[in-house]
C-alpha atoms as a PDB file:
ATOM      1  CA  PHE A   1      53.897  44.699 154.746  1.00  0.00           C
ATOM      2  CA  ARG A   2      55.856  48.084 155.553  1.00  0.00           C
ATOM      3  CA  ALA A   3      56.206  49.064 159.182  1.00  0.00           C
ATOM      4  CA  SER A   4      55.345  52.766 159.854  1.00  0.00           C
ATOM      5  CA  GLY A   5      57.816  55.276 158.993  1.00  0.00           C
ATOM      6  CA  SER A   6      59.807  52.549 156.871  1.00  0.00           C
ATOM      7  CA  ASP A   7      60.327  51.973 153.339  1.00  0.00           C
ATOM      8  CA  GLU A   8      61.554  48.528 153.879  1.00  0.00           C
ATOM      9  CA  ALA A   9      58.917  45.695 152.776  1.00  0.00           C
ATOM     10  CA  TRP A  10      58.442  42.487 155.081  1.00  0.00           C
ATOM     11  CA  TRP A  11      56.679  39.173 154.526  1.00  0.00           C
ATOM     12  CA  LEU A  12      53.879  38.957 156.787  1.00  0.00           C
ATOM     13  CA  THR A  13      52.273  35.534 157.756  1.00  0.00           C
ATOM     14  CA  ALA A  14      48.642  35.410 159.985  1.00  0.00           C
ATOM     15  CA  GLU A  15      49.534  32.806 162.624  1.00  0.00           C
ATOM     16  CA  THR A  16      45.809  32.617 163.750  1.00  0.00           C
ATOM     17  CA  ASP A  17      42.449  32.595 162.090  1.00  0.00           C
ATOM     18  CA  GLN A  18      41.141  35.992 164.116  1.00  0.00           C
ATOM     19  CA  ALA A  19      44.599  37.437 162.411  1.00  0.00           C
ATOM     20  CA  ARG A  20      44.047  36.177 159.074  1.00  0.00           C
ATOM     21  CA  GLU A  21      40.296  37.536 159.091  1.00  0.00           C
ATOM     22  CA  ALA A  22      40.713  40.663 160.548  1.00  0.00           C
ATOM     23  CA  LEU A  23      43.845  41.530 157.896  1.00  0.00           C
ATOM     24  CA  HIS A  24      41.536  40.285 155.218  1.00  0.00           C
ATOM     25  CA  MET A  25      38.885  42.381 156.247  1.00  0.00           C
ATOM     26  CA  ALA A  26      40.848  45.613 156.276  1.00  0.00           C
ATOM     27  CA  LEU A  27      42.478  44.968 152.856  1.00  0.00           C
ATOM     28  CA  ALA A  28      38.692  44.360 151.249  1.00  0.00           C
ATOM     29  CA  ALA A  29      37.693  47.719 152.751  1.00  0.00           C
ATOM     30  CA  ASP A  30      39.929  49.563 150.776  1.00  0.00           C
ATOM     31  CA  ALA A  31      38.009  50.372 147.628  1.00  0.00           C
ATOM     32  CA  ASP A  32      41.100  52.217 146.480  1.00  0.00           C
ATOM     33  CA  GLY A  33      44.276  50.146 147.399  1.00  0.00           C
ATOM     34  CA  GLY A  34      45.014  48.470 144.261  1.00  0.00           C
ATOM     35  CA  PRO A  35      45.005  44.791 143.769  1.00  0.00           C
ATOM     36  CA  TRP A  36      46.268  43.990 147.404  1.00  0.00           C
ATOM     37  CA  GLY A  37      44.592  46.733 149.249  1.00  0.00           C
ATOM     38  CA  VAL A  38      46.110  49.079 151.728  1.00  0.00           C
ATOM     39  CA  ALA A  39      45.160  49.157 155.577  1.00  0.00           C
ATOM     40  CA  ASN A  40      46.303  50.643 158.674  1.00  0.00           C
ATOM     41  CA  VAL A  41      46.921  47.817 161.259  1.00  0.00           C
ATOM     42  CA  THR A  42      48.254  47.606 164.774  1.00  0.00           C
ATOM     43  CA  ILE A  43      49.248  44.097 165.314  1.00  0.00           C
ATOM     44  CA  GLU A  44      50.820  41.681 168.087  1.00  0.00           C
ATOM     45  CA  GLY A  45      53.331  39.105 166.609  1.00  0.00           C
ATOM     46  CA  THR A  46      56.997  38.413 166.366  1.00  0.00           C
ATOM     47  CA  LEU A  47      59.397  39.466 163.689  1.00  0.00           C
ATOM     48  CA  SER A  48      61.917  36.764 161.992  1.00  0.00           C
ATOM     49  CA  PRO A  49      65.778  37.334 162.476  1.00  0.00           C
ATOM     50  CA  ALA A  50      67.376  38.784 159.181  1.00  0.00           C
ATOM     51  CA  GLY A  51      67.207  36.553 156.243  1.00  0.00           C
ATOM     52  CA  HIS A  52      65.346  35.746 152.826  1.00  0.00           C
ATOM     53  CA  TYR A  53      61.469  35.453 153.242  1.00  0.00           C
ATOM     54  CA  GLY A  54      58.475  35.163 151.151  1.00  0.00           C
ATOM     55  CA  HIS A  55      57.829  34.711 147.717  1.00  0.00           C
ATOM     56  CA  LEU A  56      61.308  34.130 145.909  1.00  0.00           C
ATOM     57  CA  ALA A  57      63.140  35.168 149.209  1.00  0.00           C
ATOM     58  CA  ALA A  58      62.654  38.364 148.432  1.00  0.00           C
ATOM     59  CA  TYR A  59      62.048  40.057 151.711  1.00  0.00           C
ATOM     60  CA  PRO A  60      64.632  40.618 154.604  1.00  0.00           C
ATOM     61  CA  HIS A  61      62.307  39.677 157.218  1.00  0.00           C
ATOM     62  CA  GLU A  62      58.878  37.800 158.022  1.00  0.00           C
ATOM     63  CA  VAL A  63      56.288  39.268 160.552  1.00  0.00           C
ATOM     64  CA  HIS A  64      54.243  36.433 162.265  1.00  0.00           C
ATOM     65  CA  VAL A  65      50.964  38.008 163.303  1.00  0.00           C
ATOM     66  CA  THR A  66      49.008  36.442 166.354  1.00  0.00           C
ATOM     67  CA  ARG A  67      47.112  39.040 166.966  1.00  0.00           C
ATOM     68  CA  VAL A  68      45.088  42.373 165.047  1.00  0.00           C
ATOM     69  CA  LEU A  69      44.399  44.675 167.819  1.00  0.00           C
ATOM     70  CA  ARG A  70      43.249  47.470 165.359  1.00  0.00           C
ATOM     71  CA  ALA A  71      42.759  47.508 161.498  1.00  0.00           C
ATOM     72  CA  VAL A  72      41.308  50.490 159.485  1.00  0.00           C
END
């Protein structure tokens, strides 16, 4: 996940079924986004403190998505 205007990647976790399904649908709708897809989303959630998150602890933050407000 990359926040708008940032080059830093963060690990993203969907905390609810609604959030998970909305994110998956937005990514699946991107026919040109490569293996993982690209989507522009507006979310509600929390950002972790700085640390080591995700696969191989490669991400400096983790975003806990509680609700997807918009996904395209």
